[in-house]
């Protein structure tokens, strides 16, 4: 039989830590939260071409596109 270490936290602490609102706050870099996702290579190439024409970064162009999507979606939901 294996020897196990006793838990250093009480059962009440473990219960409270499992609550949905007990999750730690998201890590921010400055005022921004990092996000990782994958896109098809052809879409990335199109975004890069548009970003170069607009003299902006890829991340900024994706942010602009996402903001436009959210605004359009909000208008559609309000109608």
C-alpha atoms as a PDB file:
ATOM      1  CA  UNK A   1       0.000   0.000   0.000  1.00  0.00           C
ATOM      2  CA  UNK A   2       1.353   3.390  -0.994  1.00  0.00           C
ATOM      3  CA  UNK A   3       1.932   6.095   1.523  1.00  0.00           C
ATOM      4  CA  UNK A   4       0.177   9.315   0.548  1.00  0.00           C
ATOM      5  CA  UNK A   5       0.751  12.828   1.780  1.00  0.00           C
ATOM      6  CA  UNK A   6      -2.145  14.482   3.595  1.00  0.00           C
ATOM      7  CA  UNK A   7      -3.865  17.310   1.779  1.00  0.00           C
ATOM      8  CA  UNK A   8      -2.519  20.729   2.715  1.00  0.00           C
ATOM      9  CA  UNK A   9      -5.865  22.379   2.025  1.00  0.00           C
ATOM     10  CA  UNK A  10      -8.983  21.912   4.043  1.00  0.00           C
ATOM     11  CA  UNK A  11     -12.072  20.392   2.451  1.00  0.00           C
ATOM     12  CA  UNK A  12     -13.805  23.779   2.659  1.00  0.00           C
ATOM     13  CA  UNK A  13     -10.955  25.446   0.743  1.00  0.00           C
ATOM     14  CA  UNK A  14     -11.031  22.728  -1.919  1.00  0.00           C
ATOM     15  CA  UNK A  15     -14.806  23.123  -2.248  1.00  0.00           C
ATOM     16  CA  UNK A  16     -14.580  26.911  -2.600  1.00  0.00           C
ATOM     17  CA  UNK A  17     -11.772  26.620  -5.160  1.00  0.00           C
ATOM     18  CA  UNK A  18     -13.982  24.412  -7.344  1.00  0.00           C
ATOM     19  CA  UNK A  19     -16.711  27.063  -7.588  1.00  0.00           C
ATOM     20  CA  UNK A  20     -17.202  28.604 -11.072  1.00  0.00           C
ATOM     21  CA  UNK A  21     -16.570  32.129  -9.821  1.00  0.00           C
ATOM     22  CA  UNK A  22     -13.345  31.079  -8.067  1.00  0.00           C
ATOM     23  CA  UNK A  23     -11.393  30.910 -11.321  1.00  0.00           C
ATOM     24  CA  UNK A  24      -8.369  33.231 -11.446  1.00  0.00           C
ATOM     25  CA  UNK A  25      -8.599  36.375 -13.520  1.00  0.00           C
ATOM     26  CA  UNK A  26      -7.342  36.173 -17.092  1.00  0.00           C
ATOM     27  CA  UNK A  27      -3.694  37.086 -17.643  1.00  0.00           C
ATOM     28  CA  UNK A  28      -3.304  40.381 -19.479  1.00  0.00           C
ATOM     29  CA  UNK A  29      -0.401  41.794 -21.444  1.00  0.00           C
ATOM     30  CA  UNK A  30      -0.843  45.485 -20.854  1.00  0.00           C
ATOM     31  CA  UNK A  31      -4.556  46.017 -21.504  1.00  0.00           C
ATOM     32  CA  UNK A  32      -4.864  43.027 -23.864  1.00  0.00           C
ATOM     33  CA  UNK A  33      -5.577  39.359 -23.311  1.00  0.00           C
ATOM     34  CA  UNK A  34      -3.579  36.916 -25.457  1.00  0.00           C
ATOM     35  CA  UNK A  35      -5.599  34.683 -27.762  1.00  0.00           C
ATOM     36  CA  UNK A  36      -4.390  31.765 -29.856  1.00  0.00           C
ATOM     37  CA  UNK A  37      -6.265  30.263 -32.777  1.00  0.00           C
ATOM     38  CA  UNK A  38      -5.573  28.763 -36.168  1.00  0.00           C
ATOM     39  CA  UNK A  39      -6.641  29.995 -39.592  1.00  0.00           C
ATOM     40  CA  UNK A  40      -6.364  28.515 -43.082  1.00  0.00           C
ATOM     41  CA  UNK A  41      -3.160  29.595 -44.863  1.00  0.00           C
ATOM     42  CA  UNK A  42      -5.051  31.173 -47.769  1.00  0.00           C
ATOM     43  CA  UNK A  43      -7.048  33.376 -45.382  1.00  0.00           C
ATOM     44  CA  UNK A  44      -3.850  34.446 -43.618  1.00  0.00           C
ATOM     45  CA  UNK A  45      -2.319  35.388 -46.971  1.00  0.00           C
ATOM     46  CA  UNK A  46      -5.378  37.517 -47.808  1.00  0.00           C
ATOM     47  CA  UNK A  47      -5.290  39.203 -44.392  1.00  0.00           C
ATOM     48  CA  UNK A  48      -1.567  39.909 -44.808  1.00  0.00           C
ATOM     49  CA  UNK A  49      -2.140  41.454 -48.251  1.00  0.00           C
ATOM     50  CA  UNK A  50      -4.884  43.720 -46.911  1.00  0.00           C
ATOM     51  CA  UNK A  51      -2.765  44.616 -43.867  1.00  0.00           C
ATOM     52  CA  UNK A  52       0.159  45.579 -46.112  1.00  0.00           C
ATOM     53  CA  UNK A  53      -2.112  47.756 -48.258  1.00  0.00           C
ATOM     54  CA  UNK A  54      -3.519  49.456 -45.142  1.00  0.00           C
ATOM     55  CA  UNK A  55      -0.048  49.724 -43.522  1.00  0.00           C
ATOM     56  CA  UNK A  56      -1.232  47.820 -40.438  1.00  0.00           C
ATOM     57  CA  UNK A  57      -0.227  44.632 -38.676  1.00  0.00           C
ATOM     58  CA  UNK A  58      -1.934  41.282 -39.138  1.00  0.00           C
ATOM     59  CA  UNK A  59      -3.149  41.375 -35.522  1.00  0.00           C
ATOM     60  CA  UNK A  60      -4.649  44.842 -35.985  1.00  0.00           C
ATOM     61  CA  UNK A  61      -6.471  43.775 -39.166  1.00  0.00           C
ATOM     62  CA  UNK A  62      -7.913  40.728 -37.376  1.00  0.00           C
ATOM     63  CA  UNK A  63      -8.990  42.985 -34.493  1.00  0.00           C
ATOM     64  CA  UNK A  64     -10.697  45.391 -36.925  1.00  0.00           C
ATOM     65  CA  UNK A  65     -12.488  42.499 -38.625  1.00  0.00           C
ATOM     66  CA  UNK A  66     -13.663  41.073 -35.308  1.00  0.00           C
ATOM     67  CA  UNK A  67     -14.925  44.484 -34.145  1.00  0.00           C
ATOM     68  CA  UNK A  68     -16.906  44.890 -37.378  1.00  0.00           C
ATOM     69  CA  UNK A  69     -18.365  41.407 -36.921  1.00  0.00           C
ATOM     70  CA  UNK A  70     -19.448  42.158 -33.343  1.00  0.00           C
ATOM     71  CA  UNK A  71     -21.003  45.496 -34.379  1.00  0.00           C
ATOM     72  CA  UNK A  72     -22.912  43.883 -37.267  1.00  0.00           C
ATOM     73  CA  UNK A  73     -24.057  41.035 -35.040  1.00  0.00           C
ATOM     74  CA  UNK A  74     -25.239  43.476 -32.350  1.00  0.00           C
ATOM     75  CA  UNK A  75     -27.217  45.477 -34.925  1.00  0.00           C
ATOM     76  CA  UNK A  76     -28.823  42.297 -36.264  1.00  0.00           C
ATOM     77  CA  UNK A  77     -29.810  41.192 -32.740  1.00  0.00           C
ATOM     78  CA  UNK A  78     -31.277  44.639 -31.943  1.00  0.00           C
ATOM     79  CA  UNK A  79     -33.477  44.682 -35.056  1.00  0.00           C
END
